[in-house]
Amino acid sequence: MQIGKYNTLTVARRVDFGVYLSDQDSGAEVLLPARYVPEDLNIGDSIKVFVYNDSEDRPVATTETPYAQVGEFAFLQVMDVNKIGAFLDWGIPQKHLLVPFSEQKVKMRPGGIYLVYVYLDHETRRVVATAKIHKYLGNIPPDYRPGQKVRALVYQHSDLGYKAVVDNLFDGLFYQNELTRPLEIEEVVEAFVKHVRPDGKIDLSLPGAALDRTQALADEISKRMRQNGGSLQLCDSSSPEAIRDTFGCSKKDFKRAISYLYKRHLIELLPDGIREA
């Protein structure tokens, strides 16, 4: 059973004030209060719930939907500030999310909206948040291919463009001069990877920028050919699986990139592959 995340649990027993749900792996139980219990829920049924610690640090389940779970970024509003820190509207009426003073980049004020990362404090076993988001970005090497689809949370505007959190893991950038439409801070968009930089940051493009995606994939194909002695044993008749395994893209996008290179006299088409012209 994971605190601060969604869990699919099994109804173990009923009590006057709700039902106890059981985790099949650990056998641990958690209360789902009566106000959240569907009328047609029976013993042995499975239900997806969010598990968090209540004001007395006891695990409790809810069918409410928080704005973010552990491991995610979100813009949240400050509801109160006291001597402990700031308390954010988490989307759960019975529970606000704490940002300790030590985890604030600037002093948070009631009514303010801030980008935070939600995490589980392993010492206290409490779900808390931090505004010091960059220590949670780029901690593993990105493994994206040009043209791959990602989820991006736009969080800051700069002279270069718009910074975004990519798949809750990496720092990304939409360049201002390449945007096909305006972006808004706090907006969550579907985006495509153009390029992964040596520092692990990711250049992004918006859907609809098909030429950008084609060029990015064509650049990757050219790079692979150079690394492979000037040729590749892939062509427009190769299987979708072989193309996906090599470039992480669809066969349609691969054929479009091959056509892009061929029309510019950069490659020659072979019966079973391609080579540099």
Protein backbone atom coordinates (compact mmCIF):
# COMPACT_ATOMS: atom_id res chain seq x y z
CA MET A 1 0.00 0.00 0.00
CA GLN A 2 1.54 3.29 -1.10
CA ILE A 3 0.91 6.43 0.93
CA GLY A 4 0.25 9.50 -1.20
CA LYS A 5 -0.68 7.48 -4.27
CA TYR A 6 -3.60 5.69 -5.85
CA ASN A 7 -4.01 2.07 -4.81
CA THR A 8 -6.36 -0.65 -6.03
CA LEU A 9 -7.52 -2.42 -2.86
CA THR A 10 -10.00 -5.14 -1.90
CA VAL A 11 -12.96 -4.71 0.44
CA ALA A 12 -12.11 -6.82 3.50
CA ARG A 13 -14.90 -6.00 5.99
CA ARG A 14 -17.64 -3.56 6.83
CA VAL A 15 -17.97 -1.42 9.96
CA ASP A 16 -20.56 1.16 11.00
CA PHE A 17 -18.36 4.05 9.84
CA GLY A 18 -17.19 2.64 6.48
CA VAL A 19 -15.29 -0.32 5.06
CA TYR A 20 -11.78 -1.57 5.58
CA LEU A 21 -9.79 -2.14 2.40
CA SER A 22 -6.96 -4.64 2.21
CA ASP A 23 -3.76 -4.68 0.21
CA GLN A 24 -3.44 -8.20 -1.22
CA ASP A 25 0.37 -8.18 -1.13
CA SER A 26 1.02 -6.93 2.41
CA GLY A 27 -2.31 -7.64 4.08
CA ALA A 28 -2.35 -4.06 5.43
CA GLU A 29 -5.77 -2.50 5.88
CA VAL A 30 -7.00 1.07 5.56
CA LEU A 31 -10.37 2.66 6.31
CA LEU A 32 -12.56 4.07 3.54
CA PRO A 33 -15.03 6.31 5.43
CA ALA A 34 -18.74 5.69 4.86
CA ARG A 35 -19.27 8.92 2.88
CA TYR A 36 -16.99 7.56 0.14
CA VAL A 37 -18.37 4.00 -0.02
CA PRO A 38 -20.38 3.33 -3.22
CA GLU A 39 -23.78 1.74 -2.59
CA ASP A 40 -23.00 -1.28 -4.76
CA LEU A 41 -19.60 -2.03 -3.16
CA ASN A 42 -19.47 -5.54 -1.67
CA ILE A 43 -17.01 -7.68 0.31
CA GLY A 44 -14.32 -8.96 -2.06
CA ASP A 45 -14.77 -6.16 -4.60
CA SER A 46 -11.80 -4.09 -5.77
CA ILE A 47 -11.81 -0.30 -5.71
CA LYS A 48 -9.26 2.35 -6.72
CA VAL A 49 -8.67 4.85 -3.91
CA PHE A 50 -6.17 7.50 -2.88
CA VAL A 51 -4.38 6.77 0.41
CA TYR A 52 -3.00 9.52 2.65
CA ASN A 53 -2.37 10.19 6.35
CA ASP A 54 -5.07 12.06 8.27
CA SER A 55 -4.46 14.79 10.89
CA GLU A 56 -3.48 12.11 13.41
CA ASP A 57 -1.06 10.46 10.95
CA ARG A 58 -3.31 7.45 10.42
CA PRO A 59 -3.60 6.08 6.87
CA VAL A 60 -7.06 6.70 5.39
CA ALA A 61 -8.53 6.15 1.92
CA THR A 62 -10.68 8.45 -0.18
CA THR A 63 -12.31 8.47 -3.59
CA GLU A 64 -11.57 12.21 -3.84
CA THR A 65 -9.08 13.16 -6.55
CA PRO A 66 -6.04 15.15 -5.32
CA TYR A 67 -4.45 17.68 -7.64
CA ALA A 68 -1.19 15.72 -7.49
CA GLN A 69 0.07 12.49 -5.98
CA VAL A 70 3.54 11.62 -4.70
CA GLY A 71 6.08 12.01 -7.51
CA GLU A 72 4.14 14.69 -9.39
CA PHE A 73 4.39 18.45 -9.90
CA ALA A 74 1.43 20.82 -9.68
CA PHE A 75 0.50 24.47 -9.18
CA LEU A 76 -1.31 24.67 -5.83
CA GLN A 77 -2.83 27.56 -3.87
CA VAL A 78 -1.82 28.48 -0.32
CA MET A 79 -4.78 28.29 2.06
CA ASP A 80 -3.00 29.10 5.32
CA VAL A 81 0.42 29.86 6.80
CA ASN A 82 1.46 29.16 10.40
CA LYS A 83 4.65 28.62 12.40
CA ILE A 84 5.24 25.24 10.68
CA GLY A 85 4.93 26.33 7.09
CA ALA A 86 2.40 26.88 4.31
CA PHE A 87 -0.64 24.69 3.76
CA LEU A 88 -1.83 24.16 0.19
CA ASP A 89 -5.20 23.22 -1.28
CA TRP A 90 -4.54 19.62 -2.32
CA GLY A 91 -7.99 18.86 -3.70
CA ILE A 92 -8.89 16.79 -0.63
CA PRO A 93 -11.32 18.74 1.59
CA GLN A 94 -10.13 17.07 4.82
CA LYS A 95 -6.42 17.54 4.16
CA HIS A 96 -4.17 20.42 3.18
CA LEU A 97 -0.62 19.79 1.97
CA LEU A 98 2.28 21.16 4.01
CA VAL A 99 5.27 22.98 2.53
CA PRO A 100 7.78 23.45 5.40
CA PHE A 101 9.57 26.82 5.50
CA SER A 102 12.81 25.00 4.62
CA GLU A 103 11.24 23.83 1.34
CA GLN A 104 10.07 27.28 0.19
CA LYS A 105 12.07 29.23 -2.41
CA VAL A 106 10.32 32.46 -1.38
CA LYS A 107 8.05 33.07 1.58
CA MET A 108 4.66 31.68 0.61
CA ARG A 109 1.63 33.84 1.27
CA PRO A 110 -2.09 32.96 1.61
CA GLY A 111 -3.82 33.05 -1.77
CA GLY A 112 -0.58 32.65 -3.70
CA ILE A 113 -0.24 29.89 -6.29
CA TYR A 114 3.10 28.07 -6.47
CA LEU A 115 4.64 25.20 -8.42
CA VAL A 116 5.50 22.37 -6.02
CA TYR A 117 6.68 18.77 -6.09
CA VAL A 118 4.81 16.27 -3.89
CA TYR A 119 6.90 13.67 -2.05
CA LEU A 120 6.82 11.27 0.89
CA ASP A 121 9.09 12.26 3.77
CA HIS A 122 10.63 8.93 4.68
CA GLU A 123 11.48 10.03 8.22
CA THR A 124 7.99 11.19 9.23
CA ARG A 125 6.07 9.07 6.66
CA ARG A 126 4.07 12.18 5.85
CA VAL A 127 3.21 13.47 2.40
CA VAL A 128 4.62 16.99 1.99
CA ALA A 129 5.54 19.34 -0.83
CA THR A 130 8.53 21.44 -1.84
CA ALA A 131 8.91 24.51 -4.04
CA LYS A 132 12.58 23.62 -4.61
CA ILE A 133 11.64 21.62 -7.66
CA HIS A 134 14.96 21.36 -9.50
CA LYS A 135 16.44 18.83 -7.11
CA TYR A 136 13.73 16.44 -8.36
CA LEU A 137 14.37 17.02 -12.07
CA GLY A 138 16.95 15.20 -14.19
CA ASN A 139 18.06 12.69 -11.57
CA ILE A 140 18.07 9.86 -14.11
CA PRO A 141 19.34 9.98 -17.72
CA PRO A 142 16.50 10.74 -20.16
CA ASP A 143 15.81 7.95 -22.66
CA TYR A 144 13.76 9.70 -25.34
CA ARG A 145 13.90 9.53 -29.12
CA PRO A 146 13.18 12.46 -31.45
CA GLY A 147 9.46 12.65 -32.14
CA GLN A 148 8.48 10.79 -28.95
CA LYS A 149 5.32 12.06 -27.27
CA VAL A 150 5.55 13.44 -23.70
CA ARG A 151 3.46 15.34 -21.14
CA ALA A 152 4.70 18.83 -20.31
CA LEU A 153 3.69 21.18 -17.48
CA VAL A 154 4.56 24.77 -18.42
CA TYR A 155 5.98 26.60 -15.40
CA GLN A 156 8.13 29.59 -16.43
CA HIS A 157 8.66 32.06 -19.28
CA SER A 158 12.11 33.28 -20.25
CA ASP A 159 13.72 35.13 -23.16
CA LEU A 160 14.33 31.79 -24.88
CA GLY A 161 10.81 30.46 -24.47
CA TYR A 162 8.79 28.44 -21.99
CA LYS A 163 10.25 26.04 -19.46
CA ALA A 164 8.27 22.88 -18.70
CA VAL A 165 8.41 19.81 -16.48
CA VAL A 166 8.51 16.75 -18.76
CA ASP A 167 6.75 13.58 -17.57
CA ASN A 168 7.34 14.61 -13.92
CA LEU A 169 11.04 13.79 -14.40
CA PHE A 170 12.93 16.26 -16.58
CA ASP A 171 13.37 19.93 -17.45
CA GLY A 172 12.24 20.91 -20.93
CA LEU A 173 12.04 24.01 -23.12
CA PHE A 174 9.72 25.24 -25.88
CA TYR A 175 11.67 27.81 -27.91
CA GLN A 176 9.77 31.08 -28.39
CA ASN A 177 10.53 31.35 -32.12
CA GLU A 178 9.26 27.81 -32.78
CA LEU A 179 5.87 28.00 -31.06
CA THR A 180 2.82 27.33 -33.19
CA ARG A 181 0.54 28.97 -30.59
CA PRO A 182 0.87 30.90 -27.30
CA LEU A 183 1.44 28.94 -24.09
CA GLU A 184 0.16 29.70 -20.60
CA ILE A 185 1.91 29.19 -17.25
CA GLU A 186 0.27 26.21 -15.44
CA GLU A 187 -0.83 24.73 -18.78
CA VAL A 188 -0.38 20.98 -19.29
CA VAL A 189 0.25 20.10 -22.93
CA GLU A 190 1.03 17.11 -25.09
CA ALA A 191 4.43 17.72 -26.65
CA PHE A 192 7.08 16.02 -28.77
CA VAL A 193 10.79 15.59 -28.09
CA LYS A 194 12.96 17.45 -30.57
CA HIS A 195 16.34 16.88 -28.97
CA VAL A 196 17.86 15.65 -25.70
CA ARG A 197 20.76 17.90 -24.74
CA PRO A 198 24.01 16.62 -23.15
CA ASP A 199 22.94 18.17 -19.82
CA GLY A 200 19.76 16.05 -19.86
CA LYS A 201 17.41 18.93 -20.62
CA ILE A 202 14.93 18.42 -23.42
CA ASP A 203 13.99 20.62 -26.36
CA LEU A 204 10.26 20.33 -27.09
CA SER A 205 7.79 21.07 -29.86
CA LEU A 206 4.01 21.32 -29.83
CA PRO A 207 1.66 18.95 -31.65
CA GLY A 208 1.02 20.14 -35.15
CA ALA A 209 4.65 21.00 -35.75
CA ALA A 210 4.94 17.95 -38.02
CA LEU A 211 7.88 19.34 -39.98
CA ASP A 212 9.82 19.89 -36.74
CA ARG A 213 9.26 16.28 -35.72
CA THR A 214 10.24 15.04 -39.18
CA GLN A 215 13.45 17.06 -39.16
CA ALA A 216 14.33 15.86 -35.66
CA LEU A 217 13.82 12.22 -36.64
CA ALA A 218 15.72 12.73 -39.91
CA ASP A 219 18.65 14.14 -37.92
CA GLU A 220 18.59 11.09 -35.65
CA ILE A 221 18.54 8.71 -38.66
CA SER A 222 21.53 10.53 -40.20
CA LYS A 223 23.39 10.31 -36.90
CA ARG A 224 22.74 6.56 -36.64
CA MET A 225 23.93 6.02 -40.19
CA ARG A 226 27.22 7.80 -39.46
CA GLN A 227 27.68 5.70 -36.31
CA ASN A 228 26.99 2.57 -38.35
CA GLY A 229 29.50 3.22 -41.14
CA GLY A 230 27.16 5.18 -43.38
CA SER A 231 24.22 2.77 -43.75
CA LEU A 232 21.26 1.22 -41.93
CA GLN A 233 19.40 -2.01 -42.55
CA LEU A 234 16.03 -0.33 -42.24
CA CYS A 235 13.80 0.94 -45.02
CA ASP A 236 10.15 1.72 -45.73
CA SER A 237 9.40 -2.01 -46.04
CA SER A 238 10.85 -2.85 -42.62
CA SER A 239 8.47 -4.02 -39.92
CA PRO A 240 6.89 -1.45 -37.56
CA GLU A 241 8.41 -3.38 -34.65
CA ALA A 242 11.97 -3.09 -36.00
CA ILE A 243 11.52 0.63 -36.60
CA ARG A 244 10.02 1.21 -33.16
CA ASP A 245 12.81 -0.77 -31.46
CA THR A 246 15.47 1.30 -33.22
CA PHE A 247 14.01 4.80 -33.27
CA GLY A 248 11.03 4.68 -30.90
CA CYS A 249 8.70 6.05 -33.59
CA SER A 250 5.88 4.83 -35.81
CA LYS A 251 6.52 3.44 -39.28
CA LYS A 252 4.56 6.39 -40.71
CA ASP A 253 6.90 8.92 -39.10
CA PHE A 254 9.95 6.89 -40.17
CA LYS A 255 8.81 6.84 -43.81
CA ARG A 256 8.17 10.60 -43.67
CA ALA A 257 11.71 11.20 -42.36
CA ILE A 258 13.22 8.89 -45.01
CA SER A 259 11.34 10.80 -47.71
CA TYR A 260 12.61 14.07 -46.24
CA LEU A 261 16.24 12.87 -46.49
CA TYR A 262 15.80 11.32 -49.95
CA LYS A 263 14.26 14.45 -51.48
CA ARG A 264 17.27 16.43 -50.25
CA HIS A 265 19.67 13.90 -51.84
CA LEU A 266 21.11 12.99 -48.44
CA ILE A 267 20.49 9.23 -48.69
CA GLU A 268 20.19 6.46 -51.25
CA LEU A 269 17.43 3.86 -51.02
CA LEU A 270 18.56 0.21 -51.06
CA PRO A 271 16.40 -2.93 -51.32
CA ASP A 272 16.92 -3.70 -47.64
CA GLY A 273 18.06 -0.40 -46.16
CA ILE A 274 19.43 3.09 -46.71
CA ARG A 275 22.90 4.64 -46.99
CA GLU A 276 24.41 8.08 -47.10
CA ALA A 277 24.47 9.66 -50.56
